[in-house]
Amino acid sequence: MNTSNGHPQISPEIRYSIGREIISVLNSCTINISIEQTLQELQLAVERFTFGSHGSSRDMTMSDVDTLLRGDVSLDTMSFIEWLHHRKLLRLLVGKNGRLLLSFCTRYYRSVPQVKCSTAIPLRESFRVKLLTQLRILYPEPTRIVFETVPSLMAGCVISDGTRNVDMSLQSRTPQYVRRYVAALQKVREMHRG
């Protein structure tokens, strides 16, 4: 059945299924950035696509997309936009569709808890996966677990779920513990030199 604008009518079940797939891909692409950053970059993309694509996204190439966004969104968000381009769904970022998508994502993310794991330096991928696996026991899906680097921390990490912080950094330890930690590091370095 066609609607007055010539597009076929989509059942609510199919629309919901499509929406869940889009959110799932957005989540997997932007898992390394905060919800706030994801929504800000999505809003920027909608604005640029709406005003920069002259109302039509059908013939846009990834080069056009790069020109519109000019490096103002993360590689994570760009991977989501590339997925939309590949699926020929860039129209979801233009005009009324873009505003609807942004509104849907904002409502969705309001209900998604976020946990931040802050470390002094970026974690090796293998350690990050192990830590993520452990955190998933305490914070199952759809909780978003974000890793961030905070150079002012001294070794270890701080995990915050919005209501409580668990500080496992050296800053939270006694001076005696810090001295033992530094002595152990020096011993390991000496063994590797000799």
Protein backbone atom coordinates (compact mmCIF):
# COMPACT_ATOMS: atom_id res chain seq x y z
CA MET A 1 0.00 0.00 0.00
CA ASN A 2 1.37 3.42 -0.95
CA THR A 3 1.03 6.61 1.02
CA SER A 4 0.29 10.00 -0.49
CA ASN A 5 4.01 10.74 -0.94
CA GLY A 6 4.53 7.66 -3.10
CA HIS A 7 6.54 5.66 -0.56
CA PRO A 8 5.26 2.25 0.55
CA GLN A 9 3.71 2.00 4.01
CA ILE A 10 6.05 0.34 6.52
CA SER A 11 4.52 -1.65 9.33
CA PRO A 12 5.38 -0.63 12.91
CA GLU A 13 7.10 -4.02 13.48
CA ILE A 14 9.43 -3.52 10.51
CA ARG A 15 10.09 0.10 11.49
CA TYR A 16 10.98 -1.05 15.04
CA SER A 17 13.28 -3.76 13.65
CA ILE A 18 15.05 -1.26 11.41
CA GLY A 19 15.39 1.17 14.33
CA ARG A 20 16.92 -1.52 16.55
CA GLU A 21 19.41 -2.47 13.83
CA ILE A 22 20.45 1.17 13.37
CA ILE A 23 20.87 1.66 17.15
CA SER A 24 22.82 -1.60 17.38
CA VAL A 25 25.24 -0.49 14.66
CA LEU A 26 25.52 3.01 16.15
CA ASN A 27 26.34 1.44 19.54
CA SER A 28 28.96 -0.90 18.13
CA CYS A 29 30.61 1.87 16.09
CA THR A 30 30.69 4.43 18.92
CA ILE A 31 31.37 2.17 21.91
CA ASN A 32 34.70 3.93 22.53
CA ILE A 33 33.20 7.40 22.92
CA SER A 34 30.75 8.76 25.47
CA ILE A 35 27.02 9.00 24.91
CA GLU A 36 27.32 12.80 25.03
CA GLN A 37 29.96 12.83 22.29
CA THR A 38 27.94 10.36 20.19
CA LEU A 39 24.83 12.56 20.35
CA GLN A 40 26.79 15.76 19.70
CA GLU A 41 28.48 14.29 16.64
CA LEU A 42 25.21 12.83 15.38
CA GLN A 43 23.58 16.26 15.75
CA LEU A 44 26.46 17.88 13.86
CA ALA A 45 26.10 15.32 11.06
CA VAL A 46 22.33 15.92 10.81
CA GLU A 47 22.88 19.70 10.64
CA ARG A 48 25.58 19.44 7.99
CA PHE A 49 23.70 16.86 5.91
CA THR A 50 20.47 18.87 6.10
CA PHE A 51 22.00 22.17 5.04
CA GLY A 52 24.91 20.88 2.98
CA SER A 53 23.30 18.20 0.86
CA HIS A 54 20.61 20.48 -0.61
CA GLY A 55 17.90 18.13 0.68
CA SER A 56 19.08 15.07 -1.24
CA SER A 57 21.58 12.46 -0.14
CA ARG A 58 20.99 10.01 -2.98
CA ASP A 59 24.06 10.84 -5.05
CA MET A 60 26.44 11.60 -2.20
CA THR A 61 29.80 9.88 -2.21
CA MET A 62 31.99 9.32 0.82
CA SER A 63 34.15 12.14 -0.54
CA ASP A 64 31.09 14.43 -0.28
CA VAL A 65 30.52 13.19 3.26
CA ASP A 66 34.15 13.91 4.19
CA THR A 67 33.82 17.40 2.71
CA LEU A 68 30.66 18.11 4.73
CA LEU A 69 32.07 16.86 8.03
CA ARG A 70 35.66 18.09 7.51
CA GLY A 71 37.08 15.93 10.29
CA ASP A 72 34.69 17.38 12.90
CA VAL A 73 33.40 13.96 13.96
CA SER A 74 35.33 11.03 15.38
CA LEU A 75 36.40 8.02 13.35
CA ASP A 76 33.84 6.06 15.39
CA THR A 77 30.93 8.21 14.19
CA MET A 78 32.38 8.20 10.67
CA SER A 79 32.26 4.39 10.65
CA PHE A 80 28.53 4.59 11.46
CA ILE A 81 27.99 7.12 8.67
CA GLU A 82 29.95 4.89 6.27
CA TRP A 83 27.64 2.01 7.23
CA LEU A 84 24.61 4.21 6.46
CA HIS A 85 26.19 5.18 3.13
CA HIS A 86 26.89 1.56 2.25
CA ARG A 87 23.27 0.64 3.08
CA LYS A 88 22.04 3.66 1.06
CA LEU A 89 20.50 5.13 4.22
CA LEU A 90 22.18 8.55 4.34
CA ARG A 91 18.71 10.08 3.94
CA LEU A 92 18.22 9.22 7.62
CA LEU A 93 20.60 12.08 8.43
CA VAL A 94 18.80 14.71 6.33
CA GLY A 95 16.01 17.10 7.32
CA LYS A 96 12.98 15.67 9.07
CA ASN A 97 14.43 12.12 8.99
CA GLY A 98 17.60 13.39 10.67
CA ARG A 99 15.65 15.19 13.38
CA LEU A 100 13.57 12.06 13.99
CA LEU A 101 16.69 9.87 14.20
CA LEU A 102 18.37 12.31 16.57
CA SER A 103 15.24 12.49 18.74
CA PHE A 104 14.99 8.68 18.82
CA CYS A 105 18.67 8.31 19.75
CA THR A 106 18.40 10.96 22.47
CA ARG A 107 15.39 9.19 24.04
CA TYR A 108 17.11 5.81 23.74
CA TYR A 109 20.38 6.96 25.32
CA ARG A 110 18.56 8.66 28.21
CA SER A 111 17.61 5.20 29.41
CA VAL A 112 21.04 3.63 28.84
CA PRO A 113 23.36 3.67 31.86
CA GLN A 114 26.98 4.58 31.25
CA VAL A 115 30.07 3.43 33.10
CA LYS A 116 33.40 5.22 32.67
CA CYS A 117 36.68 3.46 33.22
CA SER A 118 39.45 6.06 33.48
CA THR A 119 43.13 5.15 33.22
CA ALA A 120 46.32 7.19 33.10
CA ILE A 121 47.35 5.74 29.74
CA PRO A 122 45.43 3.95 26.98
CA LEU A 123 45.02 0.25 27.75
CA ARG A 124 46.42 -2.48 25.52
CA GLU A 125 43.55 -4.03 23.57
CA SER A 126 43.97 -7.44 25.22
CA PHE A 127 43.78 -5.92 28.73
CA ARG A 128 40.86 -3.68 27.74
CA VAL A 129 38.91 -6.74 26.54
CA LYS A 130 39.63 -8.60 29.80
CA LEU A 131 38.53 -5.61 31.87
CA LEU A 132 35.44 -5.13 29.71
CA THR A 133 34.52 -8.79 30.20
CA GLN A 134 34.77 -8.39 33.98
CA LEU A 135 32.78 -5.14 33.96
CA ARG A 136 30.05 -6.77 31.85
CA ILE A 137 29.39 -9.15 34.78
CA LEU A 138 28.52 -6.14 36.95
CA TYR A 139 27.06 -3.97 34.18
CA PRO A 140 25.26 -6.11 31.57
CA GLU A 141 24.00 -4.82 28.21
CA PRO A 142 22.72 -2.29 27.31
CA THR A 143 25.00 -0.44 29.76
CA ARG A 144 27.60 1.47 27.80
CA ILE A 145 31.14 1.03 29.12
CA VAL A 146 33.47 3.78 27.98
CA PHE A 147 37.24 3.81 28.44
CA GLU A 148 38.90 7.18 28.77
CA THR A 149 42.44 8.35 29.33
CA VAL A 150 42.98 10.81 32.19
CA PRO A 151 46.72 11.62 32.33
CA SER A 152 46.41 13.13 35.83
CA LEU A 153 45.73 9.66 37.28
CA MET A 154 48.68 7.76 38.69
CA ALA A 155 48.60 4.11 37.56
CA GLY A 156 45.53 1.95 38.07
CA CYS A 157 42.02 3.05 37.18
CA VAL A 158 38.88 4.75 38.41
CA ILE A 159 35.50 3.23 37.54
CA SER A 160 32.42 5.44 37.82
CA ASP A 161 28.84 4.41 37.15
CA GLY A 162 27.27 7.77 37.90
CA THR A 163 26.30 6.92 41.47
CA ARG A 164 29.59 5.64 42.85
CA ASN A 165 33.30 5.71 42.09
CA VAL A 166 35.74 2.89 42.66
CA ASP A 167 39.23 4.39 42.81
CA MET A 168 41.94 1.79 42.19
CA SER A 169 44.61 4.32 41.24
CA LEU A 170 47.86 4.92 43.09
CA GLN A 171 46.49 8.28 44.19
CA SER A 172 44.09 6.48 46.51
CA ARG A 173 46.85 4.38 48.12
CA THR A 174 48.99 5.12 51.14
CA PRO A 175 52.50 6.51 50.62
CA GLN A 176 53.95 3.20 51.88
CA TYR A 177 52.07 1.29 49.15
CA VAL A 178 53.30 3.74 46.49
CA ARG A 179 56.93 3.27 47.65
CA ARG A 180 56.56 -0.54 47.40
CA TYR A 181 55.02 -0.19 43.92
CA VAL A 182 57.87 2.04 42.68
CA ALA A 183 60.48 -0.30 44.22
CA ALA A 184 58.87 -3.30 42.46
CA LEU A 185 58.90 -1.41 39.13
CA GLN A 186 62.59 -0.56 39.55
CA LYS A 187 63.40 -4.19 40.31
CA VAL A 188 61.60 -5.39 37.16
CA ARG A 189 63.42 -2.79 35.02
CA GLU A 190 66.80 -3.83 36.45
CA MET A 191 66.05 -7.50 35.67
CA HIS A 192 65.24 -6.61 32.04
CA ARG A 193 68.45 -4.61 31.65
CA GLY A 194 70.71 -7.34 33.04
